[in-house]
Protein backbone atom coordinates (compact mmCIF):
# COMPACT_ATOMS: atom_id res chain seq x y z
CA MET A 1 29.15 -9.54 9.03
CA LYS A 2 27.03 -6.58 9.92
CA LYS A 3 23.64 -6.97 8.32
CA LEU A 4 21.49 -4.14 7.06
CA LYS A 5 18.55 -3.64 9.41
CA LYS A 6 15.13 -4.60 8.03
CA LEU A 7 11.79 -2.92 8.57
CA MET A 8 8.96 -4.89 10.20
CA LEU A 9 5.60 -4.71 8.41
CA LEU A 10 2.49 -5.94 10.15
CA SER A 11 -0.40 -5.51 7.72
CA LEU A 12 -1.11 -5.85 4.03
CA LEU A 13 -1.78 -2.49 2.39
CA VAL A 14 -3.71 -1.81 -0.77
CA LEU A 15 -0.80 -0.10 -2.53
CA GLY A 16 2.89 -1.02 -2.80
CA VAL A 17 5.06 -1.49 0.28
CA THR A 18 8.66 -0.76 1.16
CA GLY A 19 11.40 -2.28 3.21
CA CYS A 20 11.57 -5.78 4.51
CA GLY A 21 9.63 -7.35 7.32
CA LEU A 22 7.69 -10.29 8.61
CA TRP A 23 4.33 -10.28 6.83
CA ALA A 24 1.45 -10.97 9.22
CA GLN A 25 -1.06 -9.47 6.84
CA ASN A 26 -4.70 -8.90 7.68
CA ASP A 27 -6.71 -10.59 4.95
CA LYS A 28 -9.95 -10.86 6.89
CA GLU A 29 -12.90 -10.29 4.61
CA SER A 30 -13.91 -6.67 5.12
CA GLN A 31 -17.45 -5.41 4.91
CA PRO A 32 -18.23 -1.92 3.67
CA ASN A 33 -18.57 0.49 6.59
CA ASP A 34 -20.79 3.56 6.67
CA ASN A 35 -18.17 5.58 4.82
CA ILE A 36 -18.10 3.01 2.00
CA ASN A 37 -21.89 2.89 1.78
CA GLN A 38 -21.88 6.64 1.48
CA ILE A 39 -19.21 6.41 -1.22
CA GLU A 40 -21.33 3.90 -3.16
CA GLU A 41 -24.49 6.02 -2.95
CA THR A 42 -22.60 9.15 -3.94
CA GLY A 43 -20.94 7.23 -6.74
CA GLN A 44 -24.28 6.13 -8.21
CA GLU A 45 -25.50 9.73 -8.21
CA GLU A 46 -22.29 11.00 -9.78
CA ASN A 47 -22.32 8.27 -12.40
CA GLU A 48 -25.82 9.34 -13.47
CA LYS A 49 -24.66 12.95 -13.71
CA ASP A 50 -21.58 11.91 -15.70
CA LYS A 51 -23.76 10.38 -18.38
CA GLU A 52 -25.30 13.79 -19.00
CA GLN A 53 -22.02 15.67 -19.02
CA ALA A 54 -19.70 16.63 -21.86
CA PRO A 55 -16.58 14.66 -22.93
CA VAL A 56 -14.29 13.06 -20.34
CA GLU A 57 -11.90 15.46 -18.58
CA ASN A 58 -8.20 14.97 -19.09
CA LYS A 59 -7.94 14.06 -15.40
CA LEU A 60 -6.74 11.03 -13.45
CA VAL A 61 -8.67 10.29 -10.26
CA LEU A 62 -6.93 8.26 -7.54
CA ALA A 63 -7.37 7.56 -3.83
CA MET A 64 -5.06 7.39 -0.85
CA ASN A 65 -5.47 7.12 2.91
CA THR A 66 -6.05 10.33 4.80
CA THR A 67 -2.57 11.42 5.83
CA THR A 68 -0.95 13.71 8.39
CA THR A 69 2.06 14.54 6.20
CA LEU A 70 2.93 15.10 2.55
CA ASN A 71 6.65 14.82 3.24
CA PRO A 72 7.49 11.41 1.68
CA LEU A 73 10.27 10.73 4.18
CA TYR A 74 7.83 10.71 7.10
CA ASN A 75 4.95 8.86 5.46
CA THR A 76 4.52 5.20 6.40
CA GLN A 77 1.30 4.43 4.49
CA ALA A 78 1.84 2.45 1.30
CA ASN A 79 -0.87 3.97 -0.90
CA VAL A 80 0.19 7.48 0.19
CA GLU A 81 3.76 6.58 -0.72
CA GLN A 82 2.76 5.61 -4.26
CA ALA A 83 0.72 8.81 -4.72
CA LEU A 84 3.63 10.96 -3.53
CA TYR A 85 5.83 9.58 -6.32
CA LEU A 86 3.74 11.82 -8.58
CA ILE A 87 5.23 14.83 -6.78
CA PHE A 88 8.65 13.58 -5.64
CA SER A 89 10.88 11.67 -8.03
CA PRO A 90 13.23 8.90 -6.79
CA LEU A 91 16.96 9.19 -7.35
CA ILE A 92 16.94 5.95 -9.39
CA ASN A 93 14.24 3.57 -10.60
CA ILE A 94 13.92 -0.10 -9.67
CA GLU A 95 12.56 -2.29 -12.45
CA GLU A 96 10.22 -5.25 -11.99
CA ASP A 97 13.14 -7.69 -11.98
CA GLY A 98 14.92 -5.73 -9.24
CA SER A 99 17.55 -4.18 -11.51
CA ILE A 100 18.00 -0.41 -11.53
CA SER A 101 17.68 2.29 -14.19
CA GLU A 102 18.32 6.03 -14.31
CA ASN A 103 15.89 8.64 -13.09
CA LEU A 104 17.18 11.81 -11.42
CA ALA A 105 20.58 10.15 -11.48
CA GLN A 106 21.91 9.97 -15.01
CA SER A 107 24.96 7.84 -14.25
CA TRP A 108 26.95 6.28 -11.42
CA VAL A 109 30.38 4.77 -10.96
CA VAL A 110 30.98 2.08 -8.34
CA SER A 111 34.48 1.45 -6.99
CA PRO A 112 35.92 -2.06 -7.48
CA ASP A 113 35.40 -2.89 -3.80
CA GLN A 114 31.85 -1.50 -3.91
CA THR A 115 32.40 0.88 -1.02
CA VAL A 116 32.27 4.14 -3.01
CA VAL A 117 29.56 5.28 -5.43
CA THR A 118 29.96 8.48 -7.44
CA ILE A 119 26.65 9.74 -8.81
CA THR A 120 25.95 12.34 -11.49
CA LEU A 121 22.52 13.97 -11.75
CA LYS A 122 20.85 14.82 -15.03
CA GLN A 123 21.51 18.32 -16.28
CA GLY A 124 18.81 20.99 -16.02
CA LEU A 125 16.69 19.38 -13.29
CA THR A 126 14.46 21.88 -11.52
CA TRP A 127 12.08 21.86 -8.58
CA HIS A 128 8.46 22.84 -9.10
CA ASP A 129 9.28 26.38 -7.95
CA GLY A 130 11.99 26.74 -10.61
CA GLN A 131 15.01 26.28 -8.33
CA PRO A 132 17.70 23.86 -9.59
CA VAL A 133 18.00 20.32 -8.21
CA THR A 134 21.55 19.91 -6.90
CA SER A 135 23.83 17.44 -5.16
CA ASP A 136 23.18 19.38 -1.94
CA ASP A 137 19.51 18.40 -2.14
CA VAL A 138 20.32 14.69 -2.42
CA ILE A 139 22.81 14.83 0.46
CA PHE A 140 20.25 16.77 2.53
CA THR A 141 17.63 14.10 1.77
CA LEU A 142 19.94 11.31 2.88
CA ASN A 143 20.75 13.17 6.11
CA GLN A 144 17.01 13.57 6.74
CA ILE A 145 16.41 9.85 6.16
CA ALA A 146 19.11 9.05 8.72
CA LYS A 147 17.45 11.33 11.32
CA ILE A 148 13.83 10.18 10.91
CA PRO A 149 13.27 7.08 13.10
CA ASP A 150 10.50 5.45 11.06
CA CYS A 151 11.55 6.56 7.58
CA PRO A 152 10.64 3.78 5.10
CA TYR A 153 13.85 4.46 3.14
CA LYS A 154 16.14 3.79 6.10
CA GLN A 155 18.12 1.14 4.24
CA ALA A 156 19.55 3.90 2.05
CA THR A 157 21.61 5.33 4.93
CA GLU A 158 22.38 2.44 7.27
CA ASN A 159 25.67 1.61 5.55
CA ILE A 160 26.83 5.17 4.76
CA GLN A 161 30.08 6.37 6.28
CA THR A 162 30.47 9.78 4.60
CA MET A 163 29.04 11.88 1.76
CA GLU A 164 30.91 14.44 -0.31
CA ARG A 165 29.66 17.10 -2.73
CA ILE A 166 31.89 17.29 -5.80
CA ASP A 167 29.95 19.91 -7.75
CA ASP A 168 26.34 20.99 -8.34
CA THR A 169 25.41 17.74 -10.07
CA THR A 170 27.99 15.24 -8.78
CA PHE A 171 28.47 13.73 -5.34
CA LYS A 172 30.16 10.76 -3.72
CA ILE A 173 28.90 8.31 -1.08
CA VAL A 174 31.41 6.25 0.92
CA TYR A 175 30.05 3.11 2.59
CA ARG A 176 31.30 1.28 5.67
CA GLN A 177 31.30 -2.09 3.93
CA SER A 178 30.89 -3.57 0.50
CA PHE A 179 27.31 -4.53 -0.40
CA SER A 180 26.17 -6.07 -3.69
CA GLY A 181 22.77 -4.35 -3.43
CA VAL A 182 24.16 -0.87 -2.81
CA LEU A 183 22.65 0.65 -5.97
CA GLN A 184 19.16 -0.59 -5.06
CA THR A 185 19.39 1.39 -1.81
CA LEU A 186 19.44 4.56 -3.91
CA PHE A 187 15.69 4.26 -4.53
CA PHE A 188 14.30 7.10 -2.42
CA PRO A 189 12.40 10.32 -3.22
CA VAL A 190 14.59 13.44 -3.22
CA ILE A 191 13.29 16.56 -1.44
CA PRO A 192 14.48 20.20 -1.83
CA GLN A 193 16.68 21.55 0.95
CA HIS A 194 15.45 25.13 0.52
CA ILE A 195 11.89 24.02 1.34
CA TYR A 196 12.34 21.31 3.95
CA ASP A 197 15.33 22.55 5.94
CA VAL A 198 12.97 23.89 8.60
CA GLU A 199 11.60 22.77 11.94
CA ASN A 200 8.56 20.51 11.86
CA ASN A 201 9.13 19.74 8.18
CA SER A 202 6.49 17.01 8.25
CA SER A 203 3.72 19.58 8.69
CA MET A 204 0.77 19.66 6.31
CA ASP A 205 1.21 23.44 6.29
CA ILE A 206 4.26 23.06 4.04
CA THR A 207 3.33 23.14 0.37
CA PRO A 208 4.85 19.96 -1.13
CA ILE A 209 7.43 20.84 -3.76
CA GLY A 210 9.27 18.14 -5.65
CA CYS A 211 10.58 17.61 -9.17
CA GLY A 212 8.14 14.88 -10.20
CA PRO A 213 5.70 14.74 -13.11
CA TYR A 214 2.95 16.56 -11.16
CA MET A 215 3.00 19.64 -8.97
CA TYR A 216 0.80 20.72 -6.09
CA ASP A 217 -2.26 22.75 -7.06
CA SER A 218 -4.56 22.78 -4.03
CA ILE A 219 -6.00 20.69 -1.23
CA THR A 220 -9.45 20.35 0.32
CA PRO A 221 -8.86 19.02 3.85
CA LEU A 222 -10.27 15.51 4.43
CA LYS A 223 -11.54 15.43 0.84
CA ALA A 224 -8.91 15.57 -1.91
CA LEU A 225 -5.48 16.68 -3.06
CA TYR A 226 -5.27 18.28 -6.52
CA LEU A 227 -2.21 18.19 -8.77
CA LYS A 228 -1.39 19.62 -12.19
CA ALA A 229 1.06 18.51 -14.86
CA ASN A 230 4.62 19.78 -14.44
CA PRO A 231 5.49 21.58 -17.72
CA ASN A 232 9.21 21.32 -16.90
CA TYR A 233 9.30 17.63 -15.98
CA PHE A 234 12.63 16.17 -17.10
CA ASN A 235 10.92 13.34 -19.03
CA GLY A 236 8.50 15.70 -20.74
CA LYS A 237 5.20 17.23 -19.67
CA PRO A 238 2.64 14.51 -18.81
CA ASN A 239 -0.20 13.91 -21.28
CA ILE A 240 -2.78 13.88 -18.47
CA GLU A 241 -3.34 17.46 -17.33
CA THR A 242 -4.57 17.03 -13.77
CA VAL A 243 -4.70 14.46 -10.97
CA GLN A 244 -7.29 14.34 -8.21
CA ILE A 245 -6.36 12.21 -5.18
CA ASN A 246 -9.36 11.49 -2.97
CA PHE A 247 -8.80 10.91 0.75
CA ILE A 248 -10.28 7.62 1.99
CA PRO A 249 -10.48 6.06 5.47
CA ASP A 250 -8.76 2.79 4.58
CA GLU A 251 -7.53 0.62 1.72
CA VAL A 252 -10.75 -1.39 1.47
CA SER A 253 -12.57 1.86 0.74
CA GLY A 254 -10.22 2.38 -2.19
CA LEU A 255 -11.17 -1.00 -3.66
CA TYR A 256 -14.88 -0.27 -3.31
CA SER A 257 -14.35 3.21 -4.78
CA PHE A 258 -12.82 1.60 -7.86
CA LYS A 259 -15.66 -0.88 -8.13
CA GLN A 260 -18.15 2.00 -8.04
CA GLY A 261 -16.21 3.92 -10.70
CA LEU A 262 -15.28 6.78 -8.37
CA ILE A 263 -11.55 6.43 -9.03
CA ASP A 264 -9.68 5.44 -12.17
CA MET A 265 -7.22 2.91 -10.78
CA VAL A 266 -6.13 0.97 -7.70
CA TYR A 267 -3.04 -1.10 -6.85
CA THR A 268 -3.48 -4.04 -4.49
CA ASN A 269 -2.18 -7.34 -3.14
CA GLU A 270 -5.73 -8.45 -2.33
CA THR A 271 -6.09 -12.10 -3.37
CA GLU A 272 -9.72 -11.78 -4.50
CA TRP A 273 -9.17 -8.56 -6.42
CA GLY A 274 -11.40 -9.83 -9.25
CA LYS A 275 -14.55 -8.98 -7.29
CA TYR A 276 -13.63 -5.29 -7.41
CA THR A 277 -13.46 -5.00 -11.18
CA ASN A 278 -16.34 -3.63 -13.23
CA SER A 279 -17.52 -3.40 -16.82
CA SER A 280 -15.30 -0.39 -17.50
CA SER A 281 -12.09 -2.07 -16.27
CA ARG A 282 -9.27 -2.74 -18.70
CA GLU A 283 -7.14 -5.90 -18.59
CA PRO A 284 -5.48 -6.00 -15.13
CA TYR A 285 -1.73 -5.48 -14.97
CA GLU A 286 -0.26 -8.19 -12.72
CA MET A 287 3.26 -8.10 -11.28
CA VAL A 288 5.16 -10.48 -9.03
CA SER A 289 5.57 -8.70 -5.70
CA SER A 290 8.43 -9.11 -3.24
CA ILE A 291 6.18 -10.87 -0.69
CA TYR A 292 7.70 -14.29 -0.03
CA GLU A 293 5.42 -16.76 1.83
CA PHE A 294 6.75 -19.82 3.63
CA MET A 295 6.45 -22.20 6.56
CA GLY A 296 9.18 -21.69 9.13
CA VAL A 297 10.24 -24.58 11.38
CA ASN A 298 11.99 -24.30 14.73
CA PHE A 299 15.49 -25.76 14.40
CA ASN A 300 15.66 -26.15 18.16
CA LYS A 301 13.22 -29.08 17.71
CA PRO A 302 14.99 -32.39 16.86
CA ILE A 303 12.25 -33.37 14.38
CA PHE A 304 13.36 -30.67 11.91
CA GLN A 305 17.14 -31.14 12.04
CA SER A 306 17.44 -33.21 8.84
CA ALA A 307 17.38 -31.49 5.43
CA ALA A 308 15.76 -34.67 4.06
CA ILE A 309 12.84 -34.19 6.47
CA ARG A 310 12.44 -30.56 5.42
CA ASN A 311 12.54 -31.49 1.75
CA ALA A 312 9.93 -34.19 2.41
CA LEU A 313 7.70 -31.46 3.84
CA ILE A 314 8.01 -29.61 0.52
CA TYR A 315 7.42 -32.62 -1.73
CA ALA A 316 4.30 -33.51 0.28
CA LEU A 317 2.66 -30.18 -0.62
CA ASP A 318 0.74 -29.63 -3.83
CA ARG A 319 1.67 -25.95 -4.02
CA GLU A 320 0.14 -25.58 -7.46
CA GLU A 321 -3.24 -26.60 -6.03
CA ILE A 322 -2.81 -24.16 -3.14
CA VAL A 323 -2.02 -21.28 -5.50
CA LYS A 324 -4.90 -22.19 -7.79
CA LEU A 325 -7.57 -22.66 -5.12
CA TYR A 326 -6.62 -20.15 -2.45
CA TYR A 327 -4.68 -17.49 -4.34
CA LEU A 328 -6.66 -17.81 -7.58
CA GLU A 329 -3.32 -18.23 -9.38
CA HIS A 330 -2.16 -14.80 -8.17
CA ALA A 331 1.12 -16.22 -6.87
CA VAL A 332 4.26 -17.89 -8.24
CA ILE A 333 5.68 -21.06 -6.66
CA THR A 334 9.27 -20.81 -5.46
CA ASP A 335 11.90 -22.90 -3.66
CA THR A 336 14.01 -19.88 -2.63
CA PRO A 337 13.49 -16.37 -1.21
CA ILE A 338 14.68 -14.92 -4.51
CA SER A 339 11.80 -14.23 -6.85
CA PRO A 340 11.65 -16.14 -10.15
CA GLU A 341 11.26 -12.69 -11.76
CA SER A 342 14.48 -11.34 -10.22
CA TYR A 343 17.59 -10.71 -12.28
CA LEU A 344 19.40 -12.63 -9.51
CA TYR A 345 17.25 -15.76 -9.83
CA ASN A 346 19.09 -18.97 -10.70
CA LYS A 347 17.32 -20.09 -13.87
CA ASN A 348 19.03 -23.48 -13.78
CA LEU A 349 17.01 -24.51 -10.74
CA GLU A 350 14.10 -26.89 -11.18
CA THR A 351 11.21 -26.22 -8.83
CA LYS A 352 10.36 -29.17 -6.59
CA GLN A 353 7.14 -30.76 -7.81
CA TYR A 354 4.42 -32.38 -5.72
CA ASP A 355 5.50 -36.00 -5.15
CA LYS A 356 3.93 -37.96 -2.28
CA GLU A 357 6.04 -41.04 -2.93
CA LYS A 358 9.27 -39.06 -2.81
CA ALA A 359 8.13 -37.46 0.44
CA ARG A 360 7.48 -40.91 1.96
CA TYR A 361 10.82 -42.18 0.63
CA LEU A 362 12.74 -39.30 2.25
CA LEU A 363 10.93 -39.92 5.53
CA ALA A 364 11.74 -43.64 5.30
CA GLU A 365 15.42 -42.79 4.81
CA GLN A 366 15.26 -41.01 8.16
CA GLY A 367 13.85 -44.09 9.88
CA TYR A 368 10.12 -43.42 9.64
CA GLU A 369 7.74 -46.25 8.86
CA LEU A 370 4.05 -46.19 8.01
CA ASP A 371 1.89 -47.47 10.86
CA GLU A 372 -0.97 -49.27 9.11
CA LYS A 373 -3.24 -48.89 12.14
CA THR A 374 -2.93 -45.14 12.58
CA GLY A 375 -1.99 -44.22 9.00
CA TYR A 376 0.88 -42.05 10.29
CA MET A 377 4.63 -42.24 9.78
CA THR A 378 6.29 -43.26 13.06
CA LYS A 379 9.81 -43.56 14.41
CA ASP A 380 10.71 -45.21 17.70
CA GLY A 381 7.00 -45.45 18.43
CA ARG A 382 6.41 -41.72 17.93
CA ILE A 383 4.17 -40.24 15.23
CA PHE A 384 5.67 -37.58 12.97
CA SER A 385 3.62 -34.73 14.41
CA PHE A 386 4.02 -30.97 14.80
CA THR A 387 1.89 -27.85 15.31
CA VAL A 388 1.94 -24.86 12.96
CA MET A 389 1.11 -21.41 14.32
CA VAL A 390 -0.99 -19.05 12.16
CA ASN A 391 -2.07 -15.47 12.81
CA GLU A 392 -5.86 -15.79 12.95
CA GLU A 393 -6.77 -12.53 11.19
CA ASN A 394 -5.08 -13.77 8.00
CA THR A 395 -7.86 -15.78 6.38
CA ASP A 396 -5.72 -16.72 3.38
CA ARG A 397 -3.17 -18.37 5.63
CA ILE A 398 -5.85 -20.18 7.60
CA LYS A 399 -7.16 -21.68 4.35
CA VAL A 400 -3.64 -22.64 3.28
CA ALA A 401 -2.95 -24.23 6.69
CA ASN A 402 -6.07 -26.38 6.35
CA ALA A 403 -4.97 -27.50 2.87
CA MET A 404 -1.46 -28.30 4.14
CA GLN A 405 -2.93 -30.30 7.02
CA ARG A 406 -4.89 -32.43 4.52
CA MET A 407 -1.88 -32.90 2.21
CA TYR A 408 0.45 -33.88 5.03
CA ALA A 409 -2.10 -36.38 6.34
CA ASP A 410 -1.99 -38.06 2.90
CA VAL A 411 1.67 -38.96 3.46
CA GLY A 412 1.28 -39.84 7.14
CA ILE A 413 2.28 -36.54 8.78
CA ASP A 414 0.15 -35.18 11.59
CA MET A 415 0.10 -31.37 11.37
CA GLN A 416 -2.01 -29.51 13.92
CA ILE A 417 -3.07 -25.87 13.48
CA GLU A 418 -2.89 -23.27 16.24
CA LYS A 419 -4.60 -19.94 15.53
CA VAL A 420 -3.37 -16.97 17.56
CA ASP A 421 -3.86 -13.20 17.48
CA LYS A 422 -1.23 -10.99 15.86
CA GLU A 423 0.31 -9.82 19.14
CA THR A 424 0.73 -13.40 20.38
CA TYR A 425 2.06 -14.44 16.98
CA PHE A 426 4.94 -11.96 17.01
CA SER A 427 5.64 -12.42 20.71
CA ARG A 428 6.05 -16.16 20.33
CA LEU A 429 8.19 -15.77 17.23
CA ALA A 430 10.55 -13.48 19.12
CA SER A 431 10.75 -15.89 22.07
CA LYS A 432 10.91 -18.90 19.70
CA GLN A 433 7.94 -20.54 21.42
CA PHE A 434 6.62 -22.49 18.44
CA GLU A 435 7.21 -25.67 16.46
CA ALA A 436 6.35 -24.21 13.05
CA PHE A 437 4.59 -21.14 11.70
CA LEU A 438 3.19 -19.75 8.47
CA GLY A 439 4.71 -16.39 7.66
CA GLY A 440 6.12 -14.18 4.97
CA TRP A 441 8.81 -11.61 4.31
CA GLN A 442 8.36 -8.35 2.44
CA LEU A 443 11.82 -8.46 0.91
CA SER A 444 13.86 -5.44 -0.03
CA TYR A 445 15.11 -5.08 -3.60
CA ALA A 446 18.51 -4.34 -2.01
CA LEU A 447 18.63 -8.02 -1.19
CA ASP A 448 20.42 -9.24 1.92
CA LEU A 449 19.06 -12.51 3.28
CA SER A 450 21.40 -12.64 6.25
CA PHE A 451 18.72 -11.06 8.45
CA ALA A 452 16.70 -14.31 8.29
CA PHE A 453 19.31 -17.07 7.84
CA HIS A 454 22.69 -15.96 9.18
CA SER A 455 23.74 -17.52 12.47
CA SER A 456 24.54 -14.07 13.89
CA SER A 457 20.86 -13.13 13.55
CA ILE A 458 19.54 -15.86 15.87
CA LEU A 459 19.80 -13.88 19.10
CA SER A 460 19.74 -10.27 17.90
CA GLY A 461 18.12 -10.46 14.47
CA ASP A 462 15.14 -11.94 12.67
CA ASN A 463 16.40 -15.52 12.36
CA TYR A 464 13.34 -16.73 14.25
CA VAL A 465 13.80 -20.33 13.14
CA SER A 466 17.28 -20.48 14.80
CA TYR A 467 18.92 -21.78 11.63
CA ARG A 468 22.67 -22.24 12.13
CA ASP A 469 24.87 -23.33 9.22
CA GLU A 470 28.49 -22.27 8.65
CA LYS A 471 28.32 -22.88 4.91
CA MET A 472 25.12 -20.82 4.62
CA ASP A 473 26.83 -18.03 6.60
CA GLU A 474 29.74 -18.11 4.14
CA LEU A 475 27.48 -18.05 1.08
CA LEU A 476 25.44 -15.17 2.53
CA GLN A 477 28.66 -13.23 3.12
CA GLN A 478 29.83 -13.87 -0.44
CA ALA A 479 26.47 -12.73 -1.88
CA PHE A 480 26.47 -9.65 0.36
CA THR A 481 29.92 -8.50 -0.76
CA ALA A 482 29.74 -9.67 -4.39
CA THR A 483 30.77 -7.29 -7.16
CA ALA A 484 29.00 -6.73 -10.47
CA GLU A 485 31.34 -9.29 -12.05
CA ASN A 486 30.55 -12.16 -9.66
CA VAL A 487 27.14 -11.29 -8.17
CA THR A 488 25.27 -13.78 -10.39
CA GLU A 489 27.67 -16.57 -9.49
CA ALA A 490 27.42 -15.76 -5.78
CA TYR A 491 23.62 -15.72 -5.73
CA ASN A 492 23.41 -18.86 -7.88
CA ALA A 493 25.53 -20.73 -5.34
CA LEU A 494 23.45 -19.37 -2.47
CA GLN A 495 20.20 -20.50 -4.09
CA GLU A 496 21.53 -23.96 -4.93
CA TYR A 497 22.50 -24.53 -1.31
CA PHE A 498 19.21 -23.08 -0.09
CA VAL A 499 17.27 -25.55 -2.26
CA GLU A 500 19.41 -28.41 -0.94
CA MET A 501 19.01 -27.48 2.75
CA SER A 502 15.52 -25.88 2.69
CA PRO A 503 15.86 -23.80 5.87
CA TYR A 504 12.32 -22.59 5.07
CA ILE A 505 9.52 -24.63 3.55
CA SER A 506 9.15 -22.24 0.62
CA LEU A 507 5.67 -21.69 -0.77
CA TYR A 508 5.30 -18.81 -3.25
CA PHE A 509 5.69 -15.14 -4.10
CA LYS A 510 2.41 -13.27 -4.14
CA LYS A 511 1.39 -11.13 -7.08
CA SER A 512 0.20 -7.54 -6.97
CA VAL A 513 -2.23 -6.11 -9.50
CA LEU A 514 -2.88 -2.69 -11.00
CA MET A 515 -6.55 -2.32 -11.93
CA MET A 516 -7.47 0.56 -14.22
CA LYS A 517 -10.44 1.93 -16.11
CA ASP A 518 -10.41 1.33 -19.83
CA THR A 519 -10.25 5.12 -20.34
CA ILE A 520 -6.58 5.03 -19.29
CA GLY A 521 -4.28 4.34 -22.21
CA GLY A 522 -0.84 5.14 -23.57
CA ASN A 523 2.38 3.30 -22.80
CA ILE A 524 1.91 1.98 -19.25
CA GLU A 525 5.06 0.53 -17.69
CA ALA A 526 4.25 0.26 -13.99
CA THR A 527 6.70 -1.41 -11.63
CA PRO A 528 5.93 -2.93 -8.21
CA ARG A 529 8.06 -0.27 -6.54
CA ASN A 530 6.59 2.71 -8.40
CA ILE A 531 3.42 2.23 -10.40
CA PHE A 532 3.78 5.78 -11.76
CA ALA A 533 7.29 5.19 -13.14
CA ASN A 534 6.30 6.45 -16.63
CA VAL A 535 3.00 8.21 -15.86
CA GLU A 536 3.95 11.04 -18.22
CA GLU A 537 3.23 8.66 -21.14
CA TRP A 538 -0.26 7.72 -19.92
CA THR A 539 -3.35 9.14 -21.57
CA ILE A 540 -7.05 9.58 -20.84
CA SER A 541 -9.26 8.73 -23.82
């Protein structure tokens, strides 16, 4: 089976992220730099002035990293990506549970073998300059995605064989192989061919023109981008008249800007986001992200060969305590890489609960006995001992590793911790020079888990743990090629086997949070993939 290639992500960004990749996030506590101090001082002055000014403007103030492009297909910064959804609308929407809904696409028909999708656009769609949105624009966008090496929407084109224009609003995509997540790959921003079919189309000199809820107004280099409501937006003109997007040096600056009241909202995966709220913040809007955290074990090591041993490693962990103490309950415990919020999640599964006695029992079944002198479980005179590798800049994971070390010691398992820099971390994963490691995957909503667990991915893919299992390979293939009629059954079977075999020591899915000022109201229906999914219904009061 040919797997869909996944994107590698190396750092945790303040706003939403795309693709799928090993998550070696940088959670090190950041201190305000000179730019942030300047922001805070300026903010205090502006706040004093605001008190003397007239009623609140009908304006939304945001922040994004300083960028070198406003073409969404070239951008690789997560908070810039979210901001650009205000200008460029995706072909379809992805809901919080991973299912899809219409956006520019009004309807779609999938062939029985799931290799052909025929898509019809909504009638009357127009670009910000008044030109019609057509099938040619969507096909052009997909061709651009295929050409751009680091495009974050690459998964949309990796399986495409051909594309065919049927008429102005209808087109057909033919895929090389059946894929149950094919519709989720249609989440990408569409760009106009008549604007971007030029050389150097990533240039900041090109005025960004999309068909989203807001249109370009002006830009002050290194300061801010200004947008205005699109009167011809297909979902209706937005209630908020203007948007100001301040340029910031980094994501931490965005959090401090929100704390100082300089921006109206911020979207983050930061664990301790509570310290950035203020008296004017409304109730935070939390969502389960697609960041799956786990402990991977090296299957080339004899100690990890038994599924009973791996399940003992799960039962020995009080994951609820870990989530409560170190993630401040901003995570959801899981036994599989499929989120409990996903429409594909097997709701008949019971999450493994903390049970020290069961952990000891499973170890005893594998021949381990408690050595009263050392307090460790031993077999053939050898202590059950292993070393877990952690990327040292991730302070959350360091804390979790220390907690795991304590919990494993309680059942007689000796777990040592090895802290390494990010470069060493990824190098040793690729060369499989580890016993165990703490890691995470930023999973795509077009879900294909073969990249991490299929036997074919051991040498040439991201199956770093060297997990080899013919039945797992078969279940992955069935889930990959499942149709709408049997996709639930296929993924249920995959999850049941995953829970039985535990190829990863599953920990939790992290949550993301949207923090907003209490002046923002209306019907807010943000999704992890696009927090501005229904921004036209928001209000400023």
